[in-house]
Amino acid sequence: MLVRILLRLVVLAVAIGLTAWIVPDLHITGGFLAYLWIALLFALVNAVLGPLLHLLALPLTALTLGLFALVVNAALLGITAALTDHLDIDGFFPAVWSALLISLFSWLLNFFVPDPR
């Protein structure tokens, strides 16, 4: 189980790295350990605050046919950026674009991670 969690964190770190490479207003300082730290912090913020924020935003998410969930994910990424000095986001739209790309890349990369079960 620990190996699976570590693999998922590495996948998330790679997804964050790919996103930082594509989005010019997403700045990450540090090496691969910084990417792993940001991935761990982002996973914790998503696990702790994500369900609460998604529940609070449920009426707007339903009204916009799910698009407001991107705003909630961007807010979670912004909270992660506020918690670490290694991640900086220069605005709202780069945060939304980054949240979308991180979700897409991590979804795609998780297809290549073997399930140890």
Protein backbone atom coordinates (compact mmCIF):
# COMPACT_ATOMS: atom_id res chain seq x y z
CA MET A 1 0.00 0.00 0.00
CA LEU A 2 2.85 2.37 0.80
CA VAL A 3 4.44 1.65 -2.57
CA ARG A 4 1.17 2.49 -4.29
CA ILE A 5 0.90 5.81 -2.43
CA LEU A 6 4.48 6.69 -3.30
CA LEU A 7 3.89 5.82 -6.96
CA ARG A 8 0.80 8.05 -7.00
CA LEU A 9 2.81 10.90 -5.47
CA VAL A 10 5.52 10.50 -8.11
CA VAL A 11 2.85 10.53 -10.83
CA LEU A 12 1.36 13.70 -9.34
CA ALA A 13 4.83 15.27 -9.16
CA VAL A 14 5.40 14.45 -12.85
CA ALA A 15 1.98 15.90 -13.72
CA ILE A 16 2.84 19.08 -11.82
CA GLY A 17 6.19 19.23 -13.61
CA LEU A 18 4.57 18.86 -17.03
CA THR A 19 2.06 21.54 -16.13
CA ALA A 20 4.80 23.92 -14.97
CA TRP A 21 6.58 23.32 -18.26
CA ILE A 22 3.45 24.24 -20.26
CA VAL A 23 1.90 27.06 -18.21
CA PRO A 24 4.26 30.06 -18.17
CA ASP A 25 2.66 31.66 -15.09
CA LEU A 26 3.19 28.62 -12.87
CA HIS A 27 6.63 28.87 -11.25
CA ILE A 28 8.29 26.06 -9.30
CA THR A 29 11.65 26.56 -7.63
CA GLY A 30 13.78 23.66 -6.56
CA GLY A 31 14.57 20.23 -7.89
CA PHE A 32 12.68 16.98 -7.94
CA LEU A 33 12.29 16.98 -4.16
CA ALA A 34 10.42 20.28 -4.47
CA TYR A 35 8.06 18.65 -6.96
CA LEU A 36 7.51 15.74 -4.57
CA TRP A 37 6.91 18.17 -1.70
CA ILE A 38 4.36 20.13 -3.75
CA ALA A 39 2.67 16.87 -4.80
CA LEU A 40 2.44 15.71 -1.18
CA LEU A 41 1.11 19.07 -0.03
CA PHE A 42 -1.39 19.23 -2.90
CA ALA A 43 -2.59 15.70 -2.12
CA LEU A 44 -3.06 16.60 1.55
CA VAL A 45 -4.91 19.84 0.72
CA ASN A 46 -7.13 17.89 -1.69
CA ALA A 47 -7.81 15.19 0.90
CA VAL A 48 -8.58 17.57 3.76
CA LEU A 49 -10.19 20.63 2.17
CA GLY A 50 -11.26 19.25 -1.21
CA PRO A 51 -14.43 17.43 -0.13
CA LEU A 52 -15.56 20.37 2.00
CA LEU A 53 -15.03 22.95 -0.75
CA HIS A 54 -16.64 20.73 -3.37
CA LEU A 55 -19.64 20.22 -1.09
CA LEU A 56 -19.98 23.95 -0.43
CA ALA A 57 -19.70 24.69 -4.15
CA LEU A 58 -22.13 21.94 -5.17
CA PRO A 59 -25.00 24.30 -6.12
CA LEU A 60 -22.72 26.36 -8.38
CA THR A 61 -21.15 23.22 -9.80
CA ALA A 62 -24.59 21.85 -10.66
CA LEU A 63 -25.67 25.18 -12.12
CA THR A 64 -22.60 25.39 -14.37
CA LEU A 65 -22.76 21.70 -15.32
CA GLY A 66 -19.54 20.88 -13.50
CA LEU A 67 -17.35 23.72 -14.71
CA PHE A 68 -17.20 25.36 -11.28
CA ALA A 69 -15.32 22.30 -10.03
CA LEU A 70 -12.35 23.67 -12.00
CA VAL A 71 -12.54 26.86 -9.94
CA VAL A 72 -12.58 24.81 -6.73
CA ASN A 73 -9.56 22.82 -7.94
CA ALA A 74 -7.80 26.09 -8.80
CA ALA A 75 -8.55 27.34 -5.28
CA LEU A 76 -7.05 24.15 -3.84
CA LEU A 77 -3.95 24.71 -5.97
CA GLY A 78 -3.81 28.31 -4.74
CA ILE A 79 -4.01 27.11 -1.14
CA THR A 80 -1.14 24.76 -1.87
CA ALA A 81 0.86 27.65 -3.34
CA ALA A 82 0.19 29.68 -0.21
CA LEU A 83 1.53 26.89 1.99
CA THR A 84 4.89 26.50 0.25
CA ASP A 85 7.59 28.80 -1.08
CA HIS A 86 8.38 26.46 -3.96
CA LEU A 87 5.16 27.14 -5.91
CA ASP A 88 3.96 30.49 -7.28
CA ILE A 89 0.93 31.13 -9.49
CA ASP A 90 0.53 34.48 -11.23
CA GLY A 91 -3.24 34.89 -11.35
CA PHE A 92 -6.62 33.24 -11.44
CA PHE A 93 -6.71 31.96 -15.01
CA PRO A 94 -3.26 30.35 -14.85
CA ALA A 95 -4.46 28.60 -11.67
CA VAL A 96 -7.57 27.29 -13.45
CA TRP A 97 -5.54 26.21 -16.48
CA SER A 98 -2.94 24.56 -14.21
CA ALA A 99 -5.59 22.71 -12.20
CA LEU A 100 -7.13 21.40 -15.41
CA LEU A 101 -3.78 20.24 -16.79
CA ILE A 102 -2.68 18.63 -13.52
CA SER A 103 -5.94 16.70 -13.42
CA LEU A 104 -5.61 15.64 -17.05
CA PHE A 105 -1.94 14.63 -16.80
CA SER A 106 -2.36 12.72 -13.56
CA TRP A 107 -5.39 10.90 -15.00
CA LEU A 108 -3.41 9.95 -18.11
CA LEU A 109 -0.25 8.97 -16.24
CA ASN A 110 -2.15 6.79 -13.77
CA PHE A 111 -3.00 4.46 -16.67
CA PHE A 112 0.70 3.56 -16.87
CA VAL A 113 1.14 2.91 -13.15
CA PRO A 114 0.74 -0.78 -12.41
CA ASP A 115 -1.66 -1.74 -9.64
CA PRO A 116 0.34 -3.85 -7.17
CA ARG A 117 -2.72 -5.83 -6.06
